[in-house]
């Protein structure tokens, strides 16, 4: 009797099981497993550089100094990755590390291309002999290029680069409307200004009132050129007046 009771209870339990629910859960687990396997295989394919290689890089933007060879060299290692595993941010950083590149933007284009837009540095002045200033007053280091020899020469403490460029533009504008040209401008560590004109005359401007002192030089210059000697240097670091160094005196001192 005990055995019959147990069999009866077992049949009752089986009869109470929702086989539709169990089969549904089993089917769902199989589907999830299949999706998981497919996702794993898809991940392998997407990260396989041989299966989905980057076939081309399209470069846009005006370039004067950045060559195709430099771009290929910068991207050589990154191009070994697949189309999807290539990190766009890394590509951008590699391009912006090139000396004459100011900014780069990168995006993917299906099925196997990277599109790159480059913006080059625009040098407006030499800075501290071996560097450059761009149009925003930012310092950058890049090799010399033909056609930039006649840019003005600026110098000063690096944190003051933007101020030096702004001051150069202000001084040069004032000088040009009075038929002068500013070739060099330097700011010393003690914040004293010194300017050199296109005709070779050096102006010592001191630390204050530099624009007023340049105007003083402009006002007195017609009297200076009446002298038989050529002007070499004008010291304007006085509240009123100035001191003049003559070419002949420099030649004698040498």
Protein backbone atom coordinates (compact mmCIF):
# COMPACT_ATOMS: atom_id res chain seq x y z
CA UNK A 1 0.00 0.00 0.00
CA UNK A 2 2.81 2.38 0.83
CA UNK A 3 4.32 1.91 -2.63
CA UNK A 4 0.99 2.53 -4.32
CA UNK A 5 0.51 5.68 -2.25
CA UNK A 6 3.90 7.02 -3.27
CA UNK A 7 3.24 6.30 -6.94
CA UNK A 8 -0.12 7.97 -6.68
CA UNK A 9 1.38 11.06 -5.07
CA UNK A 10 4.14 11.18 -7.73
CA UNK A 11 1.59 11.05 -10.53
CA UNK A 12 -0.35 13.82 -8.80
CA UNK A 13 2.72 16.05 -8.63
CA UNK A 14 3.54 15.46 -12.29
CA UNK A 15 -0.02 16.22 -13.23
CA UNK A 16 0.26 19.52 -11.36
CA UNK A 17 3.35 20.66 -13.28
CA UNK A 18 2.75 23.36 -15.95
CA UNK A 19 4.58 21.71 -18.81
CA UNK A 20 3.80 24.58 -21.15
CA UNK A 21 5.59 26.98 -18.80
CA UNK A 22 8.57 24.66 -18.44
CA UNK A 23 8.90 24.17 -22.17
CA UNK A 24 8.63 27.94 -22.68
CA UNK A 25 11.40 28.59 -20.16
CA UNK A 26 13.56 25.93 -21.75
CA UNK A 27 13.04 27.42 -25.19
CA UNK A 28 13.89 30.90 -23.86
CA UNK A 29 17.11 29.60 -22.33
CA UNK A 30 18.07 27.99 -25.63
CA UNK A 31 17.38 31.25 -27.49
CA UNK A 32 19.44 33.26 -24.99
CA UNK A 33 22.29 30.79 -25.29
CA UNK A 34 22.13 31.03 -29.08
CA UNK A 35 22.15 34.84 -28.93
CA UNK A 36 25.08 34.76 -26.51
CA UNK A 37 27.05 32.50 -28.81
CA UNK A 38 26.20 34.68 -31.81
CA UNK A 39 27.25 37.84 -29.95
CA UNK A 40 30.53 36.21 -28.94
CA UNK A 41 31.25 35.19 -32.52
CA UNK A 42 30.23 38.64 -33.79
CA UNK A 43 32.62 40.23 -31.30
CA UNK A 44 35.44 38.06 -32.61
CA UNK A 45 34.65 39.11 -36.17
CA UNK A 46 34.32 42.81 -35.36
CA UNK A 47 37.69 42.81 -33.62
CA UNK A 48 39.41 40.77 -36.29
CA UNK A 49 41.46 43.19 -38.39
CA UNK A 50 41.69 40.62 -41.18
CA UNK A 51 37.92 40.11 -41.30
CA UNK A 52 36.99 43.84 -41.22
CA UNK A 53 40.14 45.84 -42.00
CA UNK A 54 40.26 49.60 -42.43
CA UNK A 55 40.65 49.85 -46.18
CA UNK A 56 40.98 53.61 -46.66
CA UNK A 57 41.51 56.90 -44.85
CA UNK A 58 40.06 59.99 -46.52
CA UNK A 59 41.89 63.20 -45.55
CA UNK A 60 40.20 66.58 -45.98
CA UNK A 61 41.24 70.09 -45.03
CA UNK A 62 43.85 72.46 -46.43
CA UNK A 63 47.41 71.29 -45.84
CA UNK A 64 50.63 73.13 -46.55
CA UNK A 65 53.14 71.44 -44.30
CA UNK A 66 51.67 68.07 -43.24
CA UNK A 67 52.56 65.37 -45.75
CA UNK A 68 50.79 62.12 -46.59
CA UNK A 69 53.88 60.25 -45.39
CA UNK A 70 53.63 61.87 -41.95
CA UNK A 71 49.96 60.93 -41.71
CA UNK A 72 50.65 57.32 -42.72
CA UNK A 73 53.43 57.12 -40.15
CA UNK A 74 51.18 58.49 -37.39
CA UNK A 75 48.42 55.97 -38.20
CA UNK A 76 50.58 52.95 -39.01
CA UNK A 77 49.94 51.01 -35.78
CA UNK A 78 46.30 52.06 -35.49
CA UNK A 79 45.57 50.86 -39.03
CA UNK A 80 46.35 47.29 -37.92
CA UNK A 81 43.07 47.21 -36.01
CA UNK A 82 39.64 46.37 -37.37
CA UNK A 83 37.14 48.97 -38.55
CA UNK A 84 35.15 48.69 -35.31
CA UNK A 85 37.98 48.22 -32.81
CA UNK A 86 39.95 51.26 -34.01
CA UNK A 87 39.63 53.95 -31.33
CA UNK A 88 38.60 57.20 -33.02
CA UNK A 89 39.95 59.23 -30.09
CA UNK A 90 43.36 57.57 -30.43
CA UNK A 91 43.41 58.30 -34.15
CA UNK A 92 42.61 61.94 -33.40
CA UNK A 93 45.37 62.17 -30.77
CA UNK A 94 47.91 60.58 -33.11
CA UNK A 95 47.13 63.12 -35.84
CA UNK A 96 47.12 66.10 -33.48
CA UNK A 97 50.58 65.05 -32.28
CA UNK A 98 51.96 65.90 -35.74
CA UNK A 99 53.88 69.18 -35.47
CA UNK A 100 51.90 71.28 -37.95
CA UNK A 101 48.43 69.89 -37.12
CA UNK A 102 46.31 72.17 -34.94
CA UNK A 103 43.13 70.09 -34.77
CA UNK A 104 41.84 66.80 -36.21
CA UNK A 105 38.35 65.31 -36.33
CA UNK A 106 37.80 61.64 -37.17
CA UNK A 107 34.71 59.54 -37.91
CA UNK A 108 33.96 56.10 -39.29
CA UNK A 109 32.24 55.64 -42.64
CA UNK A 110 30.75 52.24 -43.48
CA UNK A 111 31.92 49.81 -44.62
CA UNK A 112 35.67 50.25 -44.09
CA UNK A 113 36.74 53.90 -44.23
CA UNK A 114 37.90 56.54 -41.78
CA UNK A 115 37.18 60.16 -42.68
CA UNK A 116 39.60 62.72 -41.27
CA UNK A 117 39.43 66.51 -41.35
CA UNK A 118 42.69 68.30 -40.53
CA UNK A 119 43.20 71.92 -39.56
CA UNK A 120 46.81 73.05 -39.70
CA UNK A 121 48.55 75.53 -37.46
CA UNK A 122 48.67 79.09 -38.82
CA UNK A 123 51.99 80.56 -37.74
CA UNK A 124 51.90 84.33 -37.28
CA UNK A 125 55.26 84.84 -35.57
CA UNK A 126 58.49 83.21 -34.50
CA UNK A 127 58.63 82.67 -30.74
CA UNK A 128 61.80 82.49 -28.63
CA UNK A 129 63.98 81.61 -31.63
CA UNK A 130 62.92 77.98 -32.22
CA UNK A 131 59.15 77.93 -31.64
CA UNK A 132 56.09 79.52 -33.24
CA UNK A 133 52.99 81.43 -32.23
CA UNK A 134 49.70 80.64 -33.93
CA UNK A 135 46.91 83.11 -34.59
CA UNK A 136 45.45 82.46 -31.12
CA UNK A 137 48.70 83.32 -29.35
CA UNK A 138 49.43 79.66 -28.57
CA UNK A 139 53.00 78.36 -28.63
CA UNK A 140 53.84 75.30 -30.72
CA UNK A 141 57.00 73.55 -31.84
CA UNK A 142 57.39 72.59 -35.49
CA UNK A 143 60.19 72.44 -38.06
CA UNK A 144 60.86 75.53 -40.21
CA UNK A 145 59.05 75.82 -43.53
CA UNK A 146 59.79 77.89 -46.65
CA UNK A 147 57.96 81.19 -46.82
CA UNK A 148 57.88 81.84 -43.07
CA UNK A 149 61.25 83.57 -42.80
CA UNK A 150 59.76 87.06 -42.82
CA UNK A 151 57.34 86.54 -39.95
CA UNK A 152 58.01 88.81 -36.96
CA UNK A 153 60.23 87.57 -34.14
CA UNK A 154 58.64 87.67 -30.70
CA UNK A 155 60.12 86.60 -27.39
CA UNK A 156 59.21 86.47 -23.73
CA UNK A 157 58.19 84.17 -20.88
CA UNK A 158 55.96 81.43 -22.28
CA UNK A 159 52.92 82.24 -20.07
CA UNK A 160 53.00 85.76 -21.57
CA UNK A 161 52.89 84.64 -25.22
CA UNK A 162 49.34 85.82 -25.88
CA UNK A 163 50.01 89.20 -24.27
CA UNK A 164 53.18 89.64 -26.33
CA UNK A 165 51.27 88.88 -29.54
CA UNK A 166 48.47 91.29 -28.61
CA UNK A 167 50.99 94.03 -27.80
CA UNK A 168 52.82 93.39 -31.07
CA UNK A 169 49.61 93.85 -33.05
CA UNK A 170 48.79 97.09 -31.25
CA UNK A 171 52.29 98.52 -31.67
CA UNK A 172 52.61 97.42 -35.28
CA UNK A 173 49.29 99.05 -36.18
CA UNK A 174 50.39 102.36 -34.66
CA UNK A 175 53.79 102.19 -36.34
CA UNK A 176 52.47 101.20 -39.78
CA UNK A 177 50.11 104.17 -40.04
CA UNK A 178 53.23 106.27 -39.48
CA UNK A 179 55.27 104.45 -42.16
CA UNK A 180 57.24 102.20 -39.79
CA UNK A 181 57.28 98.41 -39.53
CA UNK A 182 57.79 96.38 -36.37
CA UNK A 183 60.10 93.39 -36.92
CA UNK A 184 60.88 92.23 -33.39
CA UNK A 185 59.32 92.56 -29.96
CA UNK A 186 60.58 91.04 -26.74
CA UNK A 187 59.41 91.05 -23.14
CA UNK A 188 62.10 90.44 -20.53
CA UNK A 189 61.58 88.35 -17.37
CA UNK A 190 61.31 91.71 -15.56
CA UNK A 191 58.48 92.72 -17.96
CA UNK A 192 60.48 95.35 -19.85
CA UNK A 193 59.63 95.79 -23.54
CA UNK A 194 62.14 96.14 -26.37
CA UNK A 195 61.16 96.62 -30.02
CA UNK A 196 63.16 96.57 -33.24
CA UNK A 197 61.86 98.32 -36.34
CA UNK A 198 62.24 97.26 -39.95
CA UNK A 199 64.89 99.96 -40.46
CA UNK A 200 66.99 98.44 -37.66
CA UNK A 201 66.28 101.04 -34.96
CA UNK A 202 65.88 99.50 -31.51
CA UNK A 203 63.40 101.06 -29.07
CA UNK A 204 63.77 100.52 -25.34
CA UNK A 205 60.27 100.97 -23.93
CA UNK A 206 60.57 99.88 -20.31
CA UNK A 207 57.72 98.39 -18.33
CA UNK A 208 55.04 101.07 -18.51
CA UNK A 209 53.22 103.26 -21.04
CA UNK A 210 54.71 101.47 -24.03
CA UNK A 211 52.17 102.84 -26.51
CA UNK A 212 52.68 106.43 -25.33
CA UNK A 213 56.44 105.98 -25.61
CA UNK A 214 56.16 104.68 -29.16
CA UNK A 215 54.07 107.73 -30.00
CA UNK A 216 56.79 109.92 -28.48
CA UNK A 217 59.35 108.27 -30.78
CA UNK A 218 57.08 108.84 -33.80
CA UNK A 219 56.71 112.51 -32.88
CA UNK A 220 60.45 113.12 -32.50
CA UNK A 221 61.70 110.96 -35.37
CA UNK A 222 61.48 113.72 -38.02
CA UNK A 223 64.02 115.69 -35.95
CA UNK A 224 66.29 112.68 -35.54
CA UNK A 225 66.59 112.02 -39.27
CA UNK A 226 67.79 115.58 -39.80
CA UNK A 227 71.01 114.65 -38.02
CA UNK A 228 74.03 113.58 -40.01
CA UNK A 229 74.32 110.35 -38.05
CA UNK A 230 72.03 107.33 -38.34
CA UNK A 231 69.93 106.33 -35.35
CA UNK A 232 70.76 102.92 -33.86
CA UNK A 233 68.86 102.92 -30.56
CA UNK A 234 66.34 105.12 -28.79
CA UNK A 235 65.88 104.80 -25.04
CA UNK A 236 62.35 105.91 -24.16
CA UNK A 237 62.36 104.78 -20.52
CA UNK A 238 62.00 108.33 -19.27
CA UNK A 239 58.92 110.19 -18.12
CA UNK A 240 59.79 112.90 -20.62
CA UNK A 241 62.44 112.99 -23.31
CA UNK A 242 64.62 110.20 -24.65
CA UNK A 243 68.23 109.15 -25.20
CA UNK A 244 69.59 108.36 -28.65
CA UNK A 245 72.36 105.96 -29.59
CA UNK A 246 73.97 106.70 -32.95
CA UNK A 247 75.42 104.27 -35.48
CA UNK A 248 78.78 106.09 -35.55
CA UNK A 249 79.12 105.85 -31.79
CA UNK A 250 78.50 102.10 -31.92
CA UNK A 251 81.05 101.66 -34.68
CA UNK A 252 83.65 103.59 -32.66
CA UNK A 253 82.91 101.50 -29.55
CA UNK A 254 83.52 98.37 -31.53
